[in-house]
Protein backbone atom coordinates (compact mmCIF):
# COMPACT_ATOMS: atom_id res chain seq x y z
CA MET A 1 0.00 0.00 0.00
CA PRO A 2 1.34 3.46 -0.88
CA LEU A 3 2.18 5.76 1.99
CA GLU A 4 -0.28 8.58 2.70
CA GLU A 5 0.40 12.14 3.86
CA GLU A 6 -1.67 11.84 7.04
CA GLN A 7 -0.02 8.53 7.84
CA ILE A 8 3.46 10.09 7.72
CA LEU A 9 2.39 13.24 9.54
CA ALA A 10 0.83 11.17 12.33
CA ALA A 11 4.06 9.19 12.66
CA LEU A 12 6.17 12.36 12.86
CA ARG A 13 3.91 13.72 15.59
CA THR A 14 4.93 10.80 17.80
CA VAL A 15 8.58 11.92 17.65
CA LYS A 16 9.39 14.16 20.61
CA ASP A 17 12.41 16.36 21.06
CA PRO A 18 14.34 14.82 24.02
CA GLU A 19 15.07 18.26 25.44
CA LEU A 20 11.79 20.11 24.88
CA PHE A 21 9.43 17.13 25.33
CA LYS A 22 7.20 18.28 22.45
CA ASP A 23 6.77 16.71 19.04
CA ILE A 24 8.95 17.89 16.19
CA VAL A 25 5.98 18.99 14.05
CA VAL A 26 4.64 21.34 16.73
CA LEU A 27 8.17 22.69 17.30
CA GLY A 28 8.54 23.50 13.59
CA LYS A 29 11.55 21.25 13.10
CA VAL A 30 9.97 19.51 10.08
CA LYS A 31 10.33 21.93 7.19
CA GLU A 32 8.89 19.61 4.54
CA PHE A 33 8.70 15.98 3.54
CA GLN A 34 8.17 14.10 0.30
CA ILE A 35 6.81 10.63 -0.33
CA ASP A 36 8.20 8.54 -3.19
CA GLU A 37 6.52 5.12 -3.07
CA ASN A 38 8.03 3.55 0.08
CA THR A 39 10.69 6.23 0.59
CA VAL A 40 10.21 9.31 2.79
CA ARG A 41 12.54 12.29 2.35
CA LEU A 42 12.59 14.81 5.21
CA ARG A 43 14.06 18.28 5.52
CA LEU A 44 14.73 19.08 9.18
CA ASP A 45 15.81 22.29 10.87
CA LEU A 46 17.21 21.30 14.27
CA GLY A 47 18.81 24.69 14.86
CA ASN A 48 21.29 24.48 17.75
CA THR A 49 20.01 21.17 19.10
CA PRO A 50 23.02 19.43 20.75
CA GLY A 51 24.66 16.59 18.83
CA PRO A 52 23.47 13.73 21.06
CA ALA A 53 19.90 15.02 20.98
CA ARG A 54 20.05 15.31 17.17
CA GLU A 55 21.00 11.65 16.96
CA VAL A 56 18.13 10.71 19.26
CA ILE A 57 15.67 12.67 17.09
CA GLU A 58 16.92 11.06 13.88
CA SER A 59 16.70 7.60 15.40
CA ARG A 60 13.15 8.23 16.61
CA ILE A 61 12.12 9.55 13.18
CA LYS A 62 13.44 6.48 11.41
CA THR A 63 11.74 4.15 13.87
CA ALA A 64 8.41 5.99 13.66
CA LEU A 65 8.40 6.10 9.86
CA SER A 66 9.49 2.49 9.61
CA ASN A 67 6.59 1.50 11.84
CA ALA A 68 4.32 3.53 9.54
CA GLY A 69 5.44 1.48 6.54
CA ALA A 70 8.38 3.39 5.08
CA LYS A 71 11.19 1.17 3.83
CA PHE A 72 13.69 3.99 3.34
CA VAL A 73 14.06 7.30 5.20
CA GLU A 74 16.31 10.10 3.98
CA ILE A 75 16.98 13.09 6.26
CA GLN A 76 18.44 16.39 5.10
CA HIS A 77 19.37 19.06 7.64
CA VAL A 78 18.75 22.69 6.77
CA GLY A 79 19.19 26.00 8.58
CA ALA A 80 22.01 27.36 10.70
CA ALA A 81 22.34 27.12 14.44
CA ALA A 82 20.74 30.00 16.27
CA PRO A 83 23.03 32.21 18.38
CA VAL A 84 23.21 31.57 22.09
CA ALA A 85 21.73 34.10 24.47
CA ASN A 86 25.07 35.73 25.28
CA ALA A 87 27.25 35.82 22.18
CA ARG A 88 30.45 37.26 23.64
CA THR A 89 33.64 35.24 23.39
CA SER A 90 33.80 32.29 25.76
CA ALA A 91 36.91 31.05 27.56
CA LEU A 92 35.52 27.55 27.00
CA PRO A 93 34.30 27.55 23.39
CA GLN A 94 33.84 23.76 23.41
CA ILE A 95 30.91 24.15 25.83
CA LYS A 96 27.59 25.16 24.32
CA TYR A 97 25.49 26.17 27.34
CA VAL A 98 26.68 27.24 30.79
CA ILE A 99 24.02 27.23 33.50
CA ALA A 100 24.77 28.49 37.01
CA VAL A 101 22.81 27.19 39.99
CA GLY A 102 22.78 29.67 42.84
CA ALA A 103 20.99 30.59 46.02
CA GLY A 104 20.76 33.62 48.23
CA LYS A 105 21.56 31.60 51.34
CA GLY A 106 23.04 28.26 52.29
CA GLY A 107 21.14 25.19 53.41
CA VAL A 108 18.43 25.25 50.74
CA GLY A 109 19.70 22.22 48.81
CA LYS A 110 21.32 24.13 45.98
CA SER A 111 24.11 21.59 45.40
CA THR A 112 21.64 18.71 45.51
CA LEU A 113 19.51 20.39 42.85
CA ALA A 114 22.56 21.25 40.73
CA LEU A 115 23.64 17.59 40.68
CA ASN A 116 20.18 16.27 39.90
CA ILE A 117 19.65 18.84 37.13
CA ALA A 118 22.92 17.65 35.60
CA ILE A 119 21.80 14.00 35.86
CA GLY A 120 18.44 14.88 34.32
CA LEU A 121 20.08 16.65 31.40
CA ARG A 122 22.41 13.71 30.84
CA ARG A 123 19.38 11.41 30.70
CA THR A 124 18.15 13.33 27.62
CA GLY A 125 21.27 12.17 25.75
CA ALA A 126 23.26 15.39 26.16
CA ALA A 127 26.95 15.61 27.11
CA VAL A 128 26.98 17.26 30.54
CA GLY A 129 29.64 18.60 32.87
CA LEU A 130 29.33 19.60 36.51
CA MET A 131 31.60 22.18 38.13
CA ASP A 132 31.47 22.33 41.92
CA GLY A 133 32.16 26.00 42.47
CA ASP A 134 30.98 25.98 46.08
CA ILE A 135 34.48 26.83 47.24
CA TYR A 136 33.75 27.10 50.95
CA GLY A 137 31.58 24.01 51.43
CA PRO A 138 32.08 21.42 48.70
CA SER A 139 29.58 18.60 49.20
CA MET A 140 29.76 17.15 45.69
CA PRO A 141 32.41 14.47 46.47
CA THR A 142 29.94 12.81 48.83
CA MET A 143 26.93 13.10 46.52
CA LEU A 144 28.96 11.92 43.50
CA GLY A 145 30.45 9.00 45.38
CA ILE A 146 34.05 10.13 44.78
CA LYS A 147 34.98 11.18 48.31
CA GLY A 148 38.69 10.66 48.91
CA LEU A 149 39.54 10.15 45.23
CA GLN A 150 42.06 12.34 43.43
CA PRO A 151 41.58 13.43 39.80
CA GLN A 152 44.11 12.50 37.15
CA VAL A 153 46.40 15.09 35.58
CA TYR A 154 47.47 15.03 31.93
CA ASN A 155 49.85 17.57 30.33
CA GLY A 156 49.47 19.83 33.32
CA LYS A 157 45.66 19.83 33.16
CA ILE A 158 43.21 18.23 35.58
CA LEU A 159 40.97 15.66 33.92
CA PRO A 160 37.39 15.78 35.24
CA PHE A 161 36.03 12.65 36.87
CA VAL A 162 33.62 10.76 34.64
CA VAL A 163 30.98 9.48 37.03
CA HIS A 164 27.25 8.81 36.57
CA GLY A 165 27.75 9.84 32.94
CA LEU A 166 28.88 13.34 34.00
CA HIS A 167 32.24 15.10 33.60
CA CYS A 168 32.81 16.49 37.10
CA ILE A 169 35.35 18.65 38.86
CA THR A 170 35.22 19.69 42.51
CA ILE A 171 37.65 21.46 44.78
CA GLY A 172 36.61 18.97 47.44
CA SER A 173 38.80 16.41 45.67
CA LEU A 174 41.85 18.68 45.76
CA VAL A 175 42.01 19.61 49.46
CA GLU A 176 42.11 17.66 52.70
CA GLN A 177 38.65 16.25 53.37
CA GLU A 178 38.03 17.92 56.73
CA LYS A 179 40.20 21.00 56.26
CA PRO A 180 38.26 24.29 56.28
CA LEU A 181 38.92 26.64 53.37
CA ILE A 182 39.48 29.98 55.10
CA TRP A 183 40.00 32.12 52.00
CA ARG A 184 39.56 35.81 51.36
CA GLY A 185 37.76 36.94 48.20
CA PRO A 186 40.81 37.11 45.89
CA MET A 187 41.86 33.57 46.87
CA ALA A 188 38.36 32.21 46.17
CA HIS A 189 38.32 34.12 42.87
CA GLY A 190 41.66 32.62 41.85
CA ALA A 191 40.79 29.06 42.85
CA PHE A 192 37.48 29.20 41.00
CA LYS A 193 39.12 30.58 37.84
CA GLN A 194 41.85 27.94 37.90
CA LEU A 195 39.35 25.10 38.33
CA LEU A 196 36.90 26.37 35.75
CA VAL A 197 39.21 27.60 32.99
CA ASP A 198 42.95 27.51 33.55
CA ASN A 199 43.76 24.05 34.91
CA THR A 200 40.89 21.77 33.85
CA GLN A 201 40.69 19.94 30.53
CA TRP A 202 36.96 20.06 29.80
CA PRO A 203 35.75 17.98 26.84
CA ALA A 204 33.16 19.20 24.35
CA LEU A 205 29.91 19.54 26.29
CA ASP A 206 26.33 20.48 25.56
CA TYR A 207 25.78 21.73 29.11
CA LEU A 208 28.04 22.75 31.97
CA ILE A 209 26.23 23.10 35.30
CA VAL A 210 28.10 25.32 37.76
CA ASP A 211 27.19 24.97 41.42
CA LEU A 212 27.89 28.38 42.96
CA PRO A 213 28.51 29.13 46.62
CA PRO A 214 25.53 30.76 48.35
CA GLY A 215 25.23 34.50 48.55
CA THR A 216 26.33 37.32 46.28
CA GLY A 217 30.11 37.28 46.63
CA ASP A 218 33.15 37.12 44.38
CA VAL A 219 32.58 33.72 42.76
CA PRO A 220 29.37 34.58 40.84
CA LEU A 221 31.05 37.76 39.64
CA THR A 222 34.06 35.74 38.46
CA LEU A 223 31.84 33.29 36.60
CA CYS A 224 29.98 36.03 34.77
CA GLN A 225 33.26 37.68 33.81
CA LEU A 226 34.81 34.45 32.52
CA LEU A 227 31.97 32.85 30.58
CA PRO A 228 28.91 33.91 28.61
CA LEU A 229 26.24 32.43 30.88
CA THR A 230 23.20 30.93 29.19
CA GLY A 231 21.43 31.71 32.44
CA ALA A 232 21.07 31.02 36.13
CA VAL A 233 18.74 28.88 38.23
CA ILE A 234 17.91 30.13 41.71
CA VAL A 235 17.07 27.56 44.39
CA ALA A 236 15.06 28.54 47.46
CA THR A 237 12.93 26.98 50.16
CA PRO A 238 9.40 28.34 50.63
CA GLN A 239 9.82 30.37 53.81
CA GLN A 240 10.26 34.13 53.69
CA VAL A 241 13.73 34.09 55.26
CA ALA A 242 15.08 32.11 52.31
CA LEU A 243 13.07 34.05 49.74
CA ASP A 244 14.42 37.41 50.92
CA ASP A 245 17.91 36.21 50.05
CA ALA A 246 16.74 34.60 46.81
CA VAL A 247 15.46 37.99 45.68
CA ARG A 248 18.93 39.43 46.28
CA ALA A 249 20.47 36.61 44.23
CA ALA A 250 18.10 37.37 41.35
CA ALA A 251 19.02 41.05 41.56
CA MET A 252 22.73 40.11 41.50
CA PHE A 253 22.39 38.11 38.29
CA LYS A 254 20.38 40.92 36.74
CA GLN A 255 23.09 43.41 37.66
CA LEU A 256 25.70 41.08 36.13
CA GLU A 257 23.57 40.87 32.95
CA ALA A 258 23.08 37.12 33.33
CA PRO A 259 19.53 36.00 32.54
CA VAL A 260 17.66 34.12 35.26
CA LEU A 261 16.16 30.99 33.72
CA GLY A 262 13.88 30.45 36.68
CA MET A 263 13.43 29.53 40.34
CA VAL A 264 13.08 26.10 41.95
CA GLU A 265 11.37 25.43 45.27
CA ASN A 266 13.27 22.79 47.21
CA MET A 267 11.93 21.10 50.37
CA SER A 268 8.47 22.14 49.22
CA PHE A 269 6.68 19.79 51.61
CA ILE A 270 7.18 16.52 53.48
CA PRO A 271 5.21 13.45 52.31
CA LEU A 272 4.07 11.50 55.38
CA PRO A 273 3.62 7.70 55.63
CA ASP A 274 -0.18 8.00 55.88
CA GLY A 275 -0.35 9.75 52.50
CA SER A 276 -0.80 13.26 53.90
CA VAL A 277 1.80 16.01 53.66
CA MET A 278 3.38 18.52 56.04
CA ASP A 279 4.15 22.03 54.76
CA LEU A 280 7.12 22.48 57.05
CA PHE A 281 8.32 25.72 55.44
CA GLY A 282 5.04 26.95 53.94
CA ARG A 283 4.61 25.46 50.47
CA GLY A 284 4.36 27.70 47.37
CA GLY A 285 6.38 30.68 48.52
CA THR A 286 8.99 30.32 45.77
CA GLU A 287 6.37 30.18 43.01
CA THR A 288 4.72 33.33 44.37
CA CYS A 289 8.11 35.03 44.56
CA ALA A 290 8.99 34.02 41.00
CA HIS A 291 5.73 35.43 39.66
CA ARG A 292 6.29 38.68 41.58
CA LEU A 293 9.76 39.03 40.04
CA GLY A 294 8.52 38.11 36.56
CA LEU A 295 10.66 34.95 36.51
CA PRO A 296 9.73 31.44 35.36
CA PHE A 297 8.89 28.92 38.08
CA LEU A 298 10.67 25.71 37.16
CA GLY A 299 9.04 23.41 39.69
CA ALA A 300 8.98 22.13 43.26
CA VAL A 301 10.89 19.22 44.82
CA PRO A 302 9.41 17.76 48.03
CA MET A 303 11.48 16.42 50.94
CA PHE A 304 11.54 12.75 49.97
CA THR A 305 13.59 10.46 52.19
CA GLU A 306 15.05 8.78 49.10
CA LEU A 307 16.61 12.05 47.94
CA ARG A 308 18.57 12.32 51.17
CA GLN A 309 19.51 8.64 51.20
CA ASN A 310 20.70 8.58 47.59
CA SER A 311 22.67 11.81 48.05
CA ASP A 312 24.44 10.51 51.14
CA ALA A 313 25.22 7.25 49.35
CA GLY A 314 26.63 8.96 46.24
CA LEU A 315 23.96 7.40 44.01
CA PRO A 316 22.12 10.33 42.38
CA GLU A 317 20.84 8.28 39.44
CA LYS A 318 18.60 6.36 41.86
CA ASN A 319 16.56 9.54 42.28
CA PHE A 320 15.30 8.91 38.75
CA GLN A 321 14.77 5.17 39.18
CA GLY A 322 12.90 4.61 42.43
CA ASN A 323 10.17 6.79 43.92
CA PRO A 324 8.04 7.87 40.91
CA GLN A 325 6.97 11.11 42.61
CA LEU A 326 10.59 12.10 43.20
CA ARG A 327 11.50 11.24 39.62
CA GLU A 328 8.56 13.21 38.24
CA SER A 329 9.38 16.29 40.33
CA LEU A 330 13.01 16.30 39.18
CA GLU A 331 12.11 15.61 35.54
CA ALA A 332 9.61 18.47 35.61
CA VAL A 333 12.35 20.87 36.74
CA VAL A 334 14.67 19.66 33.97
CA GLN A 335 11.93 19.82 31.34
CA ASN A 336 10.97 23.38 32.30
CA LEU A 337 14.62 24.42 32.38
CA LEU A 338 15.21 23.05 28.88
CA ALA A 339 12.16 24.89 27.64
CA GLU A 340 13.57 28.15 29.01
CA VAL A 341 16.97 27.50 27.42
CA ALA A 342 15.28 26.76 24.09
CA HIS A 343 13.14 29.89 24.40
CA ARG A 344 16.25 32.02 24.78
CA THR A 345 18.33 30.34 22.07
CA GLN A 346 15.98 29.40 19.29
CA THR A 347 12.57 30.26 17.87
CA ALA A 348 10.27 27.58 16.54
CA VAL A 349 8.81 28.25 13.10
CA ALA A 350 5.58 26.69 11.87
CA PRO A 351 6.31 23.84 9.44
CA VAL A 352 5.71 24.04 5.69
CA LEU A 353 4.81 20.60 4.37
CA THR A 354 5.18 19.83 0.67
CA ILE A 355 3.70 16.48 -0.31
CA SER A 356 4.28 14.78 -3.64
């Protein structure tokens, strides 16, 4: 039976972008397609979609069209990559998007969210790096499961750990485990710069997540001076004490001309064994704050026991494999973040379909 237009279009609508979680027809990535007996020829405009995600999309297209009856699928890419949000020269040109995760105050779970955002991005097929820039209180070695390990050095450059599919670097692996880092601003600035740019051999990455120290000190300023930030994510807990400082963090990024991609509410509530919940810190405060500031709200992550257990055990991938509510809350944050990145770096165009 010859292939029909609606048959092919229906198949293409089942193919979802792994980063934006919408189908490629709605996103305008299908510019046109032609049917020649059992062969389908597609013209796609994937813009600046990262390489791994492009491969995922192509694979899904071929599978969908094959299931629809096509024996041969030919894909032609058209269009140039859209410019990133901040087009100034980067000290790390091999990295496409740099996303900072910050907080106005400590203790809100910023590092935990930074790690799980990185894991979530990696699960889309992207190449992801994680830079632990929390100079004064590095907790990443524990959460990554690399506590006590030393990174390798090659040609005078530190090679990031490759763990959980992430390329990771943390100052916690370079100093004595229980030694406090009592550094003045210039020392923190220098250490951060050396780890991020000077002394680390980063591979080509789609995303680099940078976990910043809390507050509005020297390190965020250094980051914004060194790299063209795609944007920042601000983590807060719902109570007013944390939100007051989160507002200051948002103002800092604005002053540094770094776009804020959105806010995340961590420790939103506590699920109890009987199925009820406890709003320990007053659920919803971060979403209200985000709306007041005109910022996207990326989602809320409750206080699940598994999140604490997996973090302490250095097994962050289990957060996406066990408790379905935990997985869904983290995936929602990642999905909304990707949508904000896409919104700032590319514009979807309605498809023009030519059928022969």
